[in-house]
Amino acid sequence: MVPLKSRRRSRRRSKRQPAVGKLLPAGRTIALLFCALAAAVGLYLIALESSLFAVERVDVKGAPPALDREVQAALQPFRSQSLVGLDRAAVERAVLAIPSVHSVRIDRDFPNTLRVFVVRERPVAVIRRGPEAWLVASSGKVVRRLPLGRALKLPRIWVARAVSVVDGQQVTDEEVQVALRALVPLSRMGHGIGVTSVLAAGRQLTLITHSGIELRFGDATNAPLKLAVAAEILPTLAPPSSGTVVYLDVSVPERPVSGQTLKSQV
């Protein structure tokens, strides 16, 4: 005879086995899932190779007509490619290679439109190197070469001939970077400090205003505060007369100093 305890354990095992079996999908369900997966992969491969979702139109947002044309030309190699398998990183690199583009975002609008959202570089100064001139953005990126006499409202940053300036690349010269750290907040603040030139010697900056007054800036730290102090005092200063230099020193913004010297003493 089978002991009573053994018979009870056998009955418990037989009750548990069907419960576990119910948790597992039936063979038919597994087959249907594999079919659905295969169909999805097949549809993706068809969409990848088919001309049904080919790029036919590039819609550029945030760009003026001239920049729009540059973006359209840069993305010409991507036309006729499928939106499904489009290499977004490659598209972004192609647009960012345009010097006047600061950032870009790509969006696919099925079935055939590629939308490109562009943020332009914001020019804040003109780099002068002898007879050459370039437009430079707040990011330090060189936007383009300029004919002399253009963009007259922007300050000039004078650099030595040894400084490398290349369209579409960052200016790595330390003195230019220091000058930009003062000019960027100046361009944003919107007050009436008109600056024609920036002279950098090491980390020390001198800004020449439209009236000919020297704004002795010191280094580029606390630039917004120094500019705010200068904006209050500059209107009270008389422009320099012949043979003299009028200056305002805001290198220590809590203790601004103004004065006048002879040009021969500078």
Protein backbone atom coordinates (compact mmCIF):
# COMPACT_ATOMS: atom_id res chain seq x y z
CA MET A 1 0.00 0.00 0.00
CA VAL A 2 1.08 3.64 -0.74
CA PRO A 3 1.51 5.65 2.44
CA LEU A 4 -1.06 8.34 3.06
CA LYS A 5 1.51 11.16 3.05
CA SER A 6 2.91 10.07 -0.34
CA ARG A 7 -0.57 10.04 -1.87
CA ARG A 8 -1.23 13.57 -0.59
CA ARG A 9 2.07 14.91 -2.05
CA SER A 10 1.27 13.29 -5.41
CA ARG A 11 -2.17 14.94 -5.49
CA ARG A 12 -0.63 18.36 -4.71
CA ARG A 13 1.90 18.00 -7.56
CA SER A 14 -0.83 17.02 -10.01
CA LYS A 15 -2.84 20.10 -9.01
CA ARG A 16 0.13 22.47 -9.48
CA GLN A 17 1.21 21.22 -12.90
CA PRO A 18 -1.90 22.35 -14.83
CA ALA A 19 -1.67 25.79 -13.13
CA VAL A 20 1.90 26.29 -14.37
CA GLY A 21 0.88 25.10 -17.81
CA LYS A 22 -1.82 27.71 -18.03
CA LEU A 23 0.79 30.47 -17.55
CA LEU A 24 2.72 29.46 -20.68
CA PRO A 25 1.45 30.72 -24.08
CA ALA A 26 0.02 28.14 -26.40
CA GLY A 27 2.05 27.10 -29.42
CA ARG A 28 -0.40 28.84 -31.73
CA THR A 29 0.02 32.13 -29.83
CA ILE A 30 3.81 31.91 -30.11
CA ALA A 31 3.53 31.28 -33.83
CA LEU A 32 1.25 34.31 -34.28
CA LEU A 33 3.69 36.52 -32.37
CA PHE A 34 6.58 35.42 -34.58
CA CYS A 35 4.47 36.07 -37.68
CA ALA A 36 3.59 39.56 -36.48
CA LEU A 37 7.24 40.31 -35.72
CA ALA A 38 8.33 39.05 -39.12
CA ALA A 39 5.65 41.13 -40.80
CA ALA A 40 6.77 44.26 -38.93
CA VAL A 41 10.40 43.70 -39.91
CA GLY A 42 9.34 43.08 -43.50
CA LEU A 43 7.30 46.28 -43.62
CA TYR A 44 10.22 48.24 -42.18
CA LEU A 45 12.59 46.84 -44.80
CA ILE A 46 10.11 47.65 -47.55
CA ALA A 47 9.70 51.22 -46.25
CA LEU A 48 13.47 51.54 -46.01
CA GLU A 49 14.00 50.68 -49.67
CA SER A 50 10.76 51.98 -51.14
CA SER A 51 10.36 55.41 -52.73
CA LEU A 52 7.02 55.74 -50.93
CA PHE A 53 8.68 57.70 -48.07
CA ALA A 54 11.50 59.29 -50.06
CA VAL A 55 12.49 62.87 -49.16
CA GLU A 56 10.90 65.12 -51.76
CA ARG A 57 10.66 68.41 -49.84
CA VAL A 58 12.93 70.14 -47.33
CA ASP A 59 11.07 72.70 -45.21
CA VAL A 60 13.51 75.08 -43.46
CA LYS A 61 12.28 77.10 -40.47
CA GLY A 62 14.04 80.05 -38.82
CA ALA A 63 16.27 80.97 -41.77
CA PRO A 64 16.19 84.02 -44.06
CA PRO A 65 16.12 83.36 -47.83
CA ALA A 66 19.91 83.34 -48.28
CA LEU A 67 20.45 80.84 -45.44
CA ASP A 68 17.46 78.80 -46.63
CA ARG A 69 19.21 78.36 -49.97
CA GLU A 70 22.42 77.28 -48.24
CA VAL A 71 20.55 74.66 -46.19
CA GLN A 72 18.72 73.38 -49.26
CA ALA A 73 22.02 73.00 -51.10
CA ALA A 74 23.67 71.24 -48.12
CA LEU A 75 20.81 68.72 -47.91
CA GLN A 76 20.61 68.02 -51.63
CA PRO A 77 22.45 64.66 -51.20
CA PHE A 78 19.69 63.48 -48.83
CA ARG A 79 16.87 63.97 -51.30
CA SER A 80 15.29 60.73 -52.53
CA GLN A 81 16.52 58.93 -49.40
CA SER A 82 13.85 57.24 -47.29
CA LEU A 83 12.63 59.17 -44.25
CA VAL A 84 12.42 55.85 -42.40
CA GLY A 85 16.13 55.13 -42.44
CA LEU A 86 17.37 58.72 -42.66
CA ASP A 87 20.66 59.33 -40.84
CA ARG A 88 19.61 62.24 -38.64
CA ALA A 89 23.13 62.79 -37.31
CA ALA A 90 24.51 63.10 -40.84
CA VAL A 91 21.79 65.61 -41.74
CA GLU A 92 22.58 67.70 -38.65
CA ARG A 93 26.31 67.65 -39.42
CA ALA A 94 25.64 68.86 -42.97
CA VAL A 95 23.60 71.83 -41.70
CA LEU A 96 25.96 72.69 -38.84
CA ALA A 97 28.81 72.88 -41.37
CA ILE A 98 27.20 76.11 -42.62
CA PRO A 99 29.09 78.89 -40.77
CA SER A 100 26.01 81.01 -39.97
CA VAL A 101 24.12 78.11 -38.31
CA HIS A 102 24.37 77.88 -34.52
CA SER A 103 22.12 74.84 -33.91
CA VAL A 104 19.66 72.66 -35.80
CA ARG A 105 16.80 70.27 -35.09
CA ILE A 106 15.47 67.70 -37.56
CA ASP A 107 11.90 66.41 -37.79
CA ARG A 108 10.45 63.86 -40.23
CA ASP A 109 7.01 64.72 -41.58
CA PHE A 110 5.74 61.64 -43.38
CA PRO A 111 5.31 60.77 -46.13
CA ASN A 112 7.85 62.97 -47.94
CA THR A 113 8.85 66.12 -46.00
CA LEU A 114 11.98 66.75 -43.98
CA ARG A 115 11.60 69.70 -41.60
CA VAL A 116 14.73 71.55 -40.51
CA PHE A 117 14.57 74.02 -37.60
CA VAL A 118 17.58 76.35 -37.67
CA VAL A 119 18.94 78.75 -35.04
CA ARG A 120 21.30 81.31 -36.57
CA GLU A 121 24.55 82.55 -35.12
CA ARG A 122 24.29 86.06 -33.63
CA PRO A 123 27.08 88.35 -34.88
CA VAL A 124 28.48 90.65 -32.18
CA ALA A 125 31.74 91.97 -33.64
CA VAL A 126 34.06 92.22 -36.62
CA ILE A 127 37.56 90.78 -36.38
CA ARG A 128 40.15 92.94 -38.12
CA ARG A 129 43.51 91.55 -39.14
CA GLY A 130 45.30 94.18 -41.16
CA PRO A 131 43.20 94.81 -44.30
CA GLU A 132 41.07 91.68 -43.71
CA ALA A 133 37.75 91.51 -41.86
CA TRP A 134 35.46 88.73 -40.63
CA LEU A 135 32.08 88.67 -38.94
CA VAL A 136 32.27 86.79 -35.62
CA ALA A 137 29.35 85.45 -33.57
CA SER A 138 28.75 85.47 -29.83
CA SER A 139 29.83 81.80 -29.76
CA GLY A 140 33.27 82.74 -31.11
CA LYS A 141 32.49 81.15 -34.47
CA VAL A 142 33.60 82.98 -37.62
CA VAL A 143 30.48 83.52 -39.71
CA ARG A 144 32.02 84.87 -42.92
CA ARG A 145 34.64 87.15 -44.43
CA LEU A 146 33.52 90.75 -44.86
CA PRO A 147 34.43 93.42 -47.40
CA LEU A 148 35.92 96.45 -45.69
CA GLY A 149 33.35 99.04 -44.69
CA ARG A 150 30.57 96.55 -43.94
CA ALA A 151 28.76 95.99 -40.60
CA LEU A 152 29.89 99.40 -39.39
CA LYS A 153 27.64 99.31 -36.32
CA LEU A 154 29.54 96.37 -34.83
CA PRO A 155 32.70 96.81 -32.73
CA ARG A 156 36.07 95.93 -34.26
CA ILE A 157 38.39 93.48 -32.52
CA TRP A 158 41.94 94.04 -33.76
CA VAL A 159 44.20 91.00 -33.87
CA ALA A 160 47.78 90.31 -34.88
CA ARG A 161 48.59 88.78 -38.26
CA ALA A 162 49.61 85.53 -36.56
CA VAL A 163 46.05 84.92 -35.27
CA SER A 164 44.24 82.20 -37.27
CA VAL A 165 40.79 83.20 -38.55
CA VAL A 166 38.91 80.61 -40.66
CA ASP A 167 35.31 80.73 -41.89
CA GLY A 168 33.06 78.38 -39.92
CA GLN A 169 35.61 77.69 -37.17
CA GLN A 170 36.00 78.93 -33.62
CA VAL A 171 38.55 81.64 -32.95
CA THR A 172 40.86 80.17 -30.33
CA ASP A 173 42.93 83.29 -29.72
CA GLU A 174 42.68 84.11 -26.01
CA GLU A 175 42.48 87.88 -26.49
CA VAL A 176 39.55 87.50 -28.90
CA GLN A 177 37.79 85.23 -26.43
CA VAL A 178 38.30 87.80 -23.65
CA ALA A 179 36.93 90.58 -25.88
CA LEU A 180 33.85 88.54 -26.75
CA ARG A 181 33.11 87.94 -23.06
CA ALA A 182 32.66 91.70 -22.73
CA LEU A 183 30.89 92.29 -26.05
CA VAL A 184 28.28 89.53 -25.71
CA PRO A 185 26.60 91.07 -22.63
CA LEU A 186 26.96 94.50 -24.27
CA SER A 187 24.95 93.27 -27.28
CA ARG A 188 22.26 91.83 -25.00
CA MET A 189 21.79 94.73 -22.61
CA GLY A 190 20.52 97.18 -25.21
CA HIS A 191 21.80 100.33 -23.48
CA GLY A 192 23.45 103.22 -25.28
CA ILE A 193 27.15 102.34 -25.05
CA GLY A 194 28.32 102.59 -28.63
CA VAL A 195 31.64 100.78 -29.02
CA THR A 196 33.72 101.11 -32.18
CA SER A 197 36.84 99.12 -31.25
CA VAL A 198 38.13 96.70 -28.65
CA LEU A 199 41.80 96.58 -27.78
CA ALA A 200 43.04 93.57 -25.81
CA ALA A 201 46.43 93.33 -24.17
CA GLY A 202 46.65 90.01 -22.40
CA ARG A 203 43.47 89.89 -20.34
CA GLN A 204 43.08 93.67 -20.08
CA LEU A 205 40.45 95.29 -22.32
CA THR A 206 39.98 98.84 -23.52
CA LEU A 207 36.73 99.68 -25.31
CA ILE A 208 36.71 102.78 -27.53
CA THR A 209 33.29 104.45 -27.67
CA HIS A 210 31.74 106.36 -30.58
CA SER A 211 32.55 109.64 -28.83
CA GLY A 212 36.22 108.66 -28.53
CA ILE A 213 36.17 108.02 -24.78
CA GLU A 214 38.30 105.09 -23.60
CA LEU A 215 36.39 102.64 -21.44
CA ARG A 216 39.11 100.90 -19.45
CA PHE A 217 37.50 97.61 -18.65
CA GLY A 218 40.14 95.53 -16.94
CA ASP A 219 39.49 91.83 -17.48
CA ALA A 220 36.15 90.39 -18.61
CA THR A 221 34.91 89.39 -15.14
CA ASN A 222 31.69 91.05 -13.94
CA ALA A 223 31.13 92.37 -17.47
CA PRO A 224 27.38 93.12 -17.05
CA LEU A 225 28.03 95.11 -13.87
CA LYS A 226 30.89 97.08 -15.44
CA LEU A 227 28.75 97.88 -18.47
CA ALA A 228 25.85 99.01 -16.29
CA VAL A 229 28.16 101.35 -14.35
CA ALA A 230 29.65 102.70 -17.59
CA ALA A 231 26.18 103.31 -19.05
CA GLU A 232 25.36 105.58 -16.10
CA ILE A 233 28.58 107.62 -16.19
CA LEU A 234 29.51 107.91 -19.89
CA PRO A 235 26.70 110.37 -20.78
CA THR A 236 28.09 112.80 -18.17
CA LEU A 237 31.57 112.90 -19.69
CA ALA A 238 32.57 115.43 -22.32
CA PRO A 239 34.20 113.97 -25.44
CA PRO A 240 37.97 114.38 -25.72
CA SER A 241 39.36 117.54 -27.26
CA SER A 242 42.30 117.64 -29.65
CA GLY A 243 45.42 116.14 -28.13
CA THR A 244 43.67 114.65 -25.09
CA VAL A 245 42.21 111.31 -24.05
CA VAL A 246 39.14 111.09 -21.84
CA TYR A 247 38.84 107.78 -20.04
CA LEU A 248 36.50 105.95 -17.71
CA ASP A 249 38.04 103.14 -15.68
CA VAL A 250 35.50 100.54 -14.51
CA SER A 251 37.99 97.76 -13.84
CA VAL A 252 36.79 97.99 -10.21
CA PRO A 253 33.07 98.68 -10.82
CA GLU A 254 32.44 99.68 -7.20
CA ARG A 255 35.00 102.49 -7.59
CA PRO A 256 34.85 103.88 -11.15
CA VAL A 257 37.42 106.54 -12.04
CA SER A 258 37.25 109.06 -14.88
CA GLY A 259 39.89 111.49 -16.04
CA GLN A 260 41.75 113.11 -18.88
CA THR A 261 45.32 112.69 -20.09
CA LEU A 262 47.44 113.99 -22.93
CA LYS A 263 47.80 111.64 -25.86
CA SER A 264 51.55 111.82 -25.59
CA GLN A 265 51.31 110.32 -22.11
CA VAL A 266 49.29 107.27 -23.15
